[in-house]
């Protein structure tokens, strides 16, 4: 199952995990030092729901933002 919303097209984004060591200057240290940076993915919160699409009930992958906004009509 792909992690893409079928309504708004929301997908994954990329970012970084930054590992730091040391005590911050604010807390009396000499500052934080970066010791490693590695890539990571931010995945959207998508749910598989049964919804009416063009009058037909089918299973779609929808993000929770679209569900809360009422952009789809759930099947009964």
PDB file of N, CA and C in Angstrom:
ATOM      1  N   UNK A   1       0.840  -1.178   0.000  1.00  0.00           N
ATOM      2  CA  UNK A   1       0.000   0.000   0.000  1.00  0.00           C
ATOM      3  C   UNK A   1       0.884   1.240   0.000  1.00  0.00           C
ATOM      4  N   UNK A   2       0.650   2.127  -0.977  1.00  0.00           N
ATOM      5  CA  UNK A   2       1.445   3.343  -1.044  1.00  0.00           C
ATOM      6  C   UNK A   2       0.959   4.331   0.008  1.00  0.00           C
ATOM      7  N   UNK A   3       1.858   5.143   0.500  1.00  0.00           N
ATOM      8  CA  UNK A   3       1.531   6.122   1.537  1.00  0.00           C
ATOM      9  C   UNK A   3       1.201   7.461   0.895  1.00  0.00           C
ATOM     10  N   UNK A   4       0.203   7.451  -0.015  1.00  0.00           N
ATOM     11  CA  UNK A   4      -0.222   8.669  -0.685  1.00  0.00           C
ATOM     12  C   UNK A   4      -1.736   8.783  -0.561  1.00  0.00           C
ATOM     13  N   UNK A   5      -2.204   9.971  -0.194  1.00  0.00           N
ATOM     14  CA  UNK A   5      -3.644  10.213  -0.079  1.00  0.00           C
ATOM     15  C   UNK A   5      -4.237  10.313  -1.478  1.00  0.00           C
ATOM     16  N   UNK A   6      -5.340   9.592  -1.699  1.00  0.00           N
ATOM     17  CA  UNK A   6      -5.971   9.598  -3.005  1.00  0.00           C
ATOM     18  C   UNK A   6      -6.827  10.840  -3.231  1.00  0.00           C
ATOM     19  N   UNK A   7      -7.087  11.627  -2.177  1.00  0.00           N
ATOM     20  CA  UNK A   7      -7.907  12.823  -2.304  1.00  0.00           C
ATOM     21  C   UNK A   7      -7.033  14.050  -2.566  1.00  0.00           C
ATOM     22  N   UNK A   8      -6.072  14.301  -1.690  1.00  0.00           N
ATOM     23  CA  UNK A   8      -5.268  15.527  -1.807  1.00  0.00           C
ATOM     24  C   UNK A   8      -3.864  15.276  -2.367  1.00  0.00           C
ATOM     25  N   UNK A   9      -3.442  14.009  -2.448  1.00  0.00           N
ATOM     26  CA  UNK A   9      -2.121  13.711  -3.003  1.00  0.00           C
ATOM     27  C   UNK A   9      -0.975  13.872  -2.021  1.00  0.00           C
ATOM     28  N   UNK A  10      -1.294  14.006  -0.738  1.00  0.00           N
ATOM     29  CA  UNK A  10      -0.250  14.161   0.274  1.00  0.00           C
ATOM     30  C   UNK A  10       0.618  12.905   0.306  1.00  0.00           C
ATOM     31  N   UNK A  11       1.939  13.084   0.300  1.00  0.00           N
ATOM     32  CA  UNK A  11       2.863  11.959   0.306  1.00  0.00           C
ATOM     33  C   UNK A  11       3.953  12.150   1.341  1.00  0.00           C
ATOM     34  N   UNK A  12       5.025  11.387   1.198  1.00  0.00           N
ATOM     35  CA  UNK A  12       6.105  11.455   2.178  1.00  0.00           C
ATOM     36  C   UNK A  12       7.029  12.633   1.889  1.00  0.00           C
ATOM     37  N   UNK A  13       7.665  13.131   2.952  1.00  0.00           N
ATOM     38  CA  UNK A  13       8.650  14.200   2.855  1.00  0.00           C
ATOM     39  C   UNK A  13       9.959  13.681   3.448  1.00  0.00           C
ATOM     40  N   UNK A  14      11.064  14.280   3.047  1.00  0.00           N
ATOM     41  CA  UNK A  14      12.355  13.858   3.577  1.00  0.00           C
ATOM     42  C   UNK A  14      12.900  14.914   4.524  1.00  0.00           C
ATOM     43  N   UNK A  15      13.689  14.440   5.491  1.00  0.00           N
ATOM     44  CA  UNK A  15      14.308  15.321   6.462  1.00  0.00           C
ATOM     45  C   UNK A  15      15.571  14.669   6.985  1.00  0.00           C
ATOM     46  N   UNK A  16      16.040  15.127   8.116  1.00  0.00           N
ATOM     47  CA  UNK A  16      17.281  14.620   8.683  1.00  0.00           C
ATOM     48  C   UNK A  16      17.114  14.302  10.157  1.00  0.00           C
ATOM     49  N   UNK A  17      17.842  13.287  10.607  1.00  0.00           N
ATOM     50  CA  UNK A  17      18.009  13.019  12.024  1.00  0.00           C
ATOM     51  C   UNK A  17      19.363  13.612  12.389  1.00  0.00           C
ATOM     52  N   UNK A  18      19.376  14.565  13.305  1.00  0.00           N
ATOM     53  CA  UNK A  18      20.620  15.222  13.689  1.00  0.00           C
ATOM     54  C   UNK A  18      20.974  14.785  15.099  1.00  0.00           C
ATOM     55  N   UNK A  19      22.110  14.130  15.259  1.00  0.00           N
ATOM     56  CA  UNK A  19      22.576  13.650  16.557  1.00  0.00           C
ATOM     57  C   UNK A  19      23.549  14.682  17.112  1.00  0.00           C
ATOM     58  N   UNK A  20      23.262  15.149  18.338  1.00  0.00           N
ATOM     59  CA  UNK A  20      24.118  16.165  18.961  1.00  0.00           C
ATOM     60  C   UNK A  20      24.605  15.655  20.311  1.00  0.00           C
ATOM     61  N   UNK A  21      25.777  16.111  20.715  1.00  0.00           N
ATOM     62  CA  UNK A  21      26.278  15.783  22.048  1.00  0.00           C
ATOM     63  C   UNK A  21      26.806  17.044  22.702  1.00  0.00           C
ATOM     64  N   UNK A  22      26.865  17.010  24.012  1.00  0.00           N
ATOM     65  CA  UNK A  22      27.343  18.169  24.752  1.00  0.00           C
ATOM     66  C   UNK A  22      26.217  18.835  25.521  1.00  0.00           C
ATOM     67  N   UNK A  23      26.581  19.771  26.358  1.00  0.00           N
ATOM     68  CA  UNK A  23      25.623  20.515  27.173  1.00  0.00           C
ATOM     69  C   UNK A  23      25.413  21.894  26.544  1.00  0.00           C
ATOM     70  N   UNK A  24      24.153  22.321  26.380  1.00  0.00           N
ATOM     71  CA  UNK A  24      23.898  23.631  25.766  1.00  0.00           C
ATOM     72  C   UNK A  24      24.530  24.768  26.570  1.00  0.00           C
ATOM     73  N   UNK A  25      24.874  25.846  25.899  1.00  0.00           N
ATOM     74  CA  UNK A  25      25.455  27.009  26.565  1.00  0.00           C
ATOM     75  C   UNK A  25      24.495  27.582  27.601  1.00  0.00           C
ATOM     76  N   UNK A  26      23.192  27.500  27.291  1.00  0.00           N
ATOM     77  CA  UNK A  26      22.171  28.003  28.203  1.00  0.00           C
ATOM     78  C   UNK A  26      22.217  27.296  29.550  1.00  0.00           C
ATOM     79  N   UNK A  27      22.657  26.022  29.539  1.00  0.00           N
ATOM     80  CA  UNK A  27      22.715  25.243  30.775  1.00  0.00           C
ATOM     81  C   UNK A  27      24.116  25.191  31.371  1.00  0.00           C
ATOM     82  N   UNK A  28      25.036  26.015  30.864  1.00  0.00           N
ATOM     83  CA  UNK A  28      26.365  26.097  31.455  1.00  0.00           C
ATOM     84  C   UNK A  28      27.436  25.305  30.730  1.00  0.00           C
ATOM     85  N   UNK A  29      27.144  24.735  29.595  1.00  0.00           N
ATOM     86  CA  UNK A  29      28.130  23.963  28.850  1.00  0.00           C
ATOM     87  C   UNK A  29      28.830  24.805  27.800  1.00  0.00           C
ATOM     88  N   UNK A  30      29.584  24.133  26.938  1.00  0.00           N
ATOM     89  CA  UNK A  30      30.311  24.843  25.881  1.00  0.00           C
ATOM     90  C   UNK A  30      29.564  24.797  24.552  1.00  0.00           C
ATOM     91  N   UNK A  31      28.369  24.227  24.554  1.00  0.00           N
ATOM     92  CA  UNK A  31      27.540  24.200  23.356  1.00  0.00           C
ATOM     93  C   UNK A  31      27.372  22.799  22.813  1.00  0.00           C
ATOM     94  N   UNK A  32      26.375  22.633  21.959  1.00  0.00           N
ATOM     95  CA  UNK A  32      26.100  21.342  21.354  1.00  0.00           C
ATOM     96  C   UNK A  32      26.953  21.149  20.100  1.00  0.00           C
ATOM     97  N   UNK A  33      27.403  19.938  19.879  1.00  0.00           N
ATOM     98  CA  UNK A  33      28.206  19.607  18.707  1.00  0.00           C
ATOM     99  C   UNK A  33      27.497  18.512  17.922  1.00  0.00           C
ATOM    100  N   UNK A  34      27.386  18.705  16.624  1.00  0.00           N
ATOM    101  CA  UNK A  34      26.743  17.726  15.759  1.00  0.00           C
ATOM    102  C   UNK A  34      27.708  16.575  15.509  1.00  0.00           C
ATOM    103  N   UNK A  35      27.254  15.352  15.787  1.00  0.00           N
ATOM    104  CA  UNK A  35      28.120  14.190  15.584  1.00  0.00           C
ATOM    105  C   UNK A  35      27.656  13.299  14.445  1.00  0.00           C
ATOM    106  N   UNK A  36      26.441  13.519  13.960  1.00  0.00           N
ATOM    107  CA  UNK A  36      25.967  12.690  12.858  1.00  0.00           C
ATOM    108  C   UNK A  36      24.682  13.218  12.281  1.00  0.00           C
ATOM    109  N   UNK A  37      24.547  13.113  10.952  1.00  0.00           N
ATOM    110  CA  UNK A  37      23.324  13.494  10.259  1.00  0.00           C
ATOM    111  C   UNK A  37      22.971  12.361   9.320  1.00  0.00           C
ATOM    112  N   UNK A  38      21.749  11.839   9.446  1.00  0.00           N
ATOM    113  CA  UNK A  38      21.314  10.783   8.535  1.00  0.00           C
ATOM    114  C   UNK A  38      19.908  11.118   8.048  1.00  0.00           C
ATOM    115  N   UNK A  39      19.572  10.608   6.874  1.00  0.00           N
ATOM    116  CA  UNK A  39      18.290  10.907   6.248  1.00  0.00           C
ATOM    117  C   UNK A  39      17.163  10.123   6.917  1.00  0.00           C
ATOM    118  N   UNK A  40      15.953  10.694   6.867  1.00  0.00           N
ATOM    119  CA  UNK A  40      14.768  10.011   7.352  1.00  0.00           C
ATOM    120  C   UNK A  40      13.574  10.462   6.522  1.00  0.00           C
ATOM    121  N   UNK A  41      12.462   9.737   6.650  1.00  0.00           N
ATOM    122  CA  UNK A  41      11.243  10.062   5.915  1.00  0.00           C
ATOM    123  C   UNK A  41      10.120  10.381   6.892  1.00  0.00           C
ATOM    124  N   UNK A  42       9.364  11.428   6.588  1.00  0.00           N
ATOM    125  CA  UNK A  42       8.171  11.770   7.336  1.00  0.00           C
ATOM    126  C   UNK A  42       6.987  11.245   6.537  1.00  0.00           C
ATOM    127  N   UNK A  43       6.266  10.260   7.085  1.00  0.00           N
ATOM    128  CA  UNK A  43       5.155   9.638   6.377  1.00  0.00           C
ATOM    129  C   UNK A  43       3.825  10.230   6.828  1.00  0.00           C
ATOM    130  N   UNK A  44       2.877  10.426   5.901  1.00  0.00           N
ATOM    131  CA  UNK A  44       1.574  10.947   6.287  1.00  0.00           C
ATOM    132  C   UNK A  44       0.742   9.882   6.978  1.00  0.00           C
ATOM    133  N   UNK A  45      -0.207  10.317   7.775  1.00  0.00           N
ATOM    134  CA  UNK A  45      -1.098   9.400   8.476  1.00  0.00           C
ATOM    135  C   UNK A  45      -2.255   9.065   7.539  1.00  0.00           C
ATOM    136  N   UNK A  46      -2.093   7.990   6.756  1.00  0.00           N
ATOM    137  CA  UNK A  46      -3.130   7.588   5.814  1.00  0.00           C
ATOM    138  C   UNK A  46      -3.858   6.358   6.337  1.00  0.00           C
ATOM    139  N   UNK A  47      -5.175   6.333   6.116  1.00  0.00           N
ATOM    140  CA  UNK A  47      -6.025   5.238   6.569  1.00  0.00           C
ATOM    141  C   UNK A  47      -6.746   4.643   5.363  1.00  0.00           C
ATOM    142  N   UNK A  48      -7.011   3.352   5.445  1.00  0.00           N
ATOM    143  CA  UNK A  48      -7.766   2.668   4.395  1.00  0.00           C
ATOM    144  C   UNK A  48      -9.230   2.659   4.827  1.00  0.00           C
ATOM    145  N   UNK A  49     -10.091   3.360   4.085  1.00  0.00           N
ATOM    146  CA  UNK A  49     -11.505   3.448   4.437  1.00  0.00           C
ATOM    147  C   UNK A  49     -12.368   3.101   3.230  1.00  0.00           C
ATOM    148  N   UNK A  50     -13.588   2.665   3.521  1.00  0.00           N
ATOM    149  CA  UNK A  50     -14.572   2.412   2.467  1.00  0.00           C
ATOM    150  C   UNK A  50     -15.368   3.684   2.278  1.00  0.00           C
ATOM    151  N   UNK A  51     -15.356   4.200   1.057  1.00  0.00           N
ATOM    152  CA  UNK A  51     -16.020   5.462   0.789  1.00  0.00           C
ATOM    153  C   UNK A  51     -16.775   5.392  -0.529  1.00  0.00           C
ATOM    154  N   UNK A  52     -17.721   6.323  -0.686  1.00  0.00           N
ATOM    155  CA  UNK A  52     -18.465   6.418  -1.939  1.00  0.00           C
ATOM    156  C   UNK A  52     -17.697   7.332  -2.882  1.00  0.00           C
ATOM    157  N   UNK A  53     -17.294   6.765  -4.017  1.00  0.00           N
ATOM    158  CA  UNK A  53     -16.589   7.535  -5.039  1.00  0.00           C
ATOM    159  C   UNK A  53     -17.393   7.414  -6.325  1.00  0.00           C
ATOM    160  N   UNK A  54     -17.926   8.526  -6.799  1.00  0.00           N
ATOM    161  CA  UNK A  54     -18.757   8.578  -8.010  1.00  0.00           C
ATOM    162  C   UNK A  54     -19.945   7.616  -7.900  1.00  0.00           C
ATOM    163  N   UNK A  55     -20.543   7.538  -6.714  1.00  0.00           N
ATOM    164  CA  UNK A  55     -21.717   6.693  -6.508  1.00  0.00           C
ATOM    165  C   UNK A  55     -21.423   5.223  -6.274  1.00  0.00           C
ATOM    166  N   UNK A  56     -20.151   4.832  -6.299  1.00  0.00           N
ATOM    167  CA  UNK A  56     -19.755   3.436  -6.112  1.00  0.00           C
ATOM    168  C   UNK A  56     -18.960   3.326  -4.815  1.00  0.00           C
ATOM    169  N   UNK A  57     -19.255   2.298  -4.023  1.00  0.00           N
ATOM    170  CA  UNK A  57     -18.492   2.069  -2.792  1.00  0.00           C
ATOM    171  C   UNK A  57     -17.203   1.350  -3.117  1.00  0.00           C
ATOM    172  N   UNK A  58     -16.092   1.946  -2.721  1.00  0.00           N
ATOM    173  CA  UNK A  58     -14.790   1.305  -2.910  1.00  0.00           C
ATOM    174  C   UNK A  58     -13.844   1.686  -1.783  1.00  0.00           C
ATOM    175  N   UNK A  59     -12.771   0.929  -1.677  1.00  0.00           N
ATOM    176  CA  UNK A  59     -11.788   1.143  -0.626  1.00  0.00           C
ATOM    177  C   UNK A  59     -10.736   2.134  -1.123  1.00  0.00           C
ATOM    178  N   UNK A  60     -10.525   3.207  -0.360  1.00  0.00           N
ATOM    179  CA  UNK A  60      -9.564   4.232  -0.759  1.00  0.00           C
ATOM    180  C   UNK A  60      -8.605   4.520   0.388  1.00  0.00           C
ATOM    181  N   UNK A  61      -7.438   5.027   0.029  1.00  0.00           N
ATOM    182  CA  UNK A  61      -6.437   5.438   1.004  1.00  0.00           C
ATOM    183  C   UNK A  61      -6.530   6.951   1.160  1.00  0.00           C
ATOM    184  N   UNK A  62      -6.887   7.399   2.377  1.00  0.00           N
ATOM    185  CA  UNK A  62      -7.142   8.817   2.613  1.00  0.00           C
ATOM    186  C   UNK A  62      -6.373   9.269   3.847  1.00  0.00           C
ATOM    187  N   UNK A  63      -5.808  10.483   3.793  1.00  0.00           N
ATOM    188  CA  UNK A  63      -5.109  11.012   4.966  1.00  0.00           C
ATOM    189  C   UNK A  63      -6.135  11.474   5.996  1.00  0.00           C
ATOM    190  N   UNK A  64      -5.725  11.530   7.242  1.00  0.00           N
ATOM    191  CA  UNK A  64      -6.650  11.888   8.320  1.00  0.00           C
ATOM    192  C   UNK A  64      -7.098  13.336   8.216  1.00  0.00           C
ATOM    193  N   UNK A  65      -6.310  14.187   7.591  1.00  0.00           N
ATOM    194  CA  UNK A  65      -6.721  15.578   7.385  1.00  0.00           C
ATOM    195  C   UNK A  65      -7.946  15.667   6.504  1.00  0.00           C
ATOM    196  N   UNK A  66      -7.982  14.862   5.439  1.00  0.00           N
ATOM    197  CA  UNK A  66      -9.143  14.841   4.545  1.00  0.00           C
ATOM    198  C   UNK A  66     -10.343  14.196   5.228  1.00  0.00           C
ATOM    199  N   UNK A  67     -10.106  13.191   6.067  1.00  0.00           N
ATOM    200  CA  UNK A  67     -11.206  12.558   6.799  1.00  0.00           C
ATOM    201  C   UNK A  67     -11.859  13.556   7.759  1.00  0.00           C
ATOM    202  N   UNK A  68     -11.047  14.300   8.493  1.00  0.00           N
ATOM    203  CA  UNK A  68     -11.581  15.255   9.458  1.00  0.00           C
ATOM    204  C   UNK A  68     -12.273  16.429   8.775  1.00  0.00           C
ATOM    205  N   UNK A  69     -11.777  16.801   7.598  1.00  0.00           N
ATOM    206  CA  UNK A  69     -12.365  17.919   6.865  1.00  0.00           C
ATOM    207  C   UNK A  69     -13.644  17.528   6.156  1.00  0.00           C
ATOM    208  N   UNK A  70     -13.941  16.223   6.096  1.00  0.00           N
ATOM    209  CA  UNK A  70     -15.171  15.754   5.460  1.00  0.00           C
ATOM    210  C   UNK A  70     -15.114  15.783   3.944  1.00  0.00           C
ATOM    211  N   UNK A  71     -13.930  15.605   3.389  1.00  0.00           N
ATOM    212  CA  UNK A  71     -13.771  15.653   1.924  1.00  0.00           C
ATOM    213  C   UNK A  71     -14.269  14.384   1.238  1.00  0.00           C
ATOM    214  N   UNK A  72     -14.500  13.314   1.996  1.00  0.00           N
ATOM    215  CA  UNK A  72     -15.064  12.095   1.430  1.00  0.00           C
ATOM    216  C   UNK A  72     -16.303  11.713   2.224  1.00  0.00           C
ATOM    217  N   UNK A  73     -17.158  10.931   1.605  1.00  0.00           N
ATOM    218  CA  UNK A  73     -18.348  10.439   2.293  1.00  0.00           C
ATOM    219  C   UNK A  73     -18.149   8.951   2.536  1.00  0.00           C
ATOM    220  N   UNK A  74     -18.084   8.551   3.806  1.00  0.00           N
ATOM    221  CA  UNK A  74     -17.865   7.153   4.144  1.00  0.00           C
ATOM    222  C   UNK A  74     -19.086   6.323   3.803  1.00  0.00           C
ATOM    223  N   UNK A  75     -18.834   5.093   3.339  1.00  0.00           N
ATOM    224  CA  UNK A  75     -19.909   4.171   2.997  1.00  0.00           C
ATOM    225  C   UNK A  75     -20.516   3.606   4.266  1.00  0.00           C
ATOM    226  N   UNK A  76     -21.787   3.274   4.205  1.00  0.00           N
ATOM    227  CA  UNK A  76     -22.450   2.717   5.403  1.00  0.00           C
ATOM    228  C   UNK A  76     -22.581   1.235   5.313  1.00  0.00           C
TER     229      UNK A  76
END
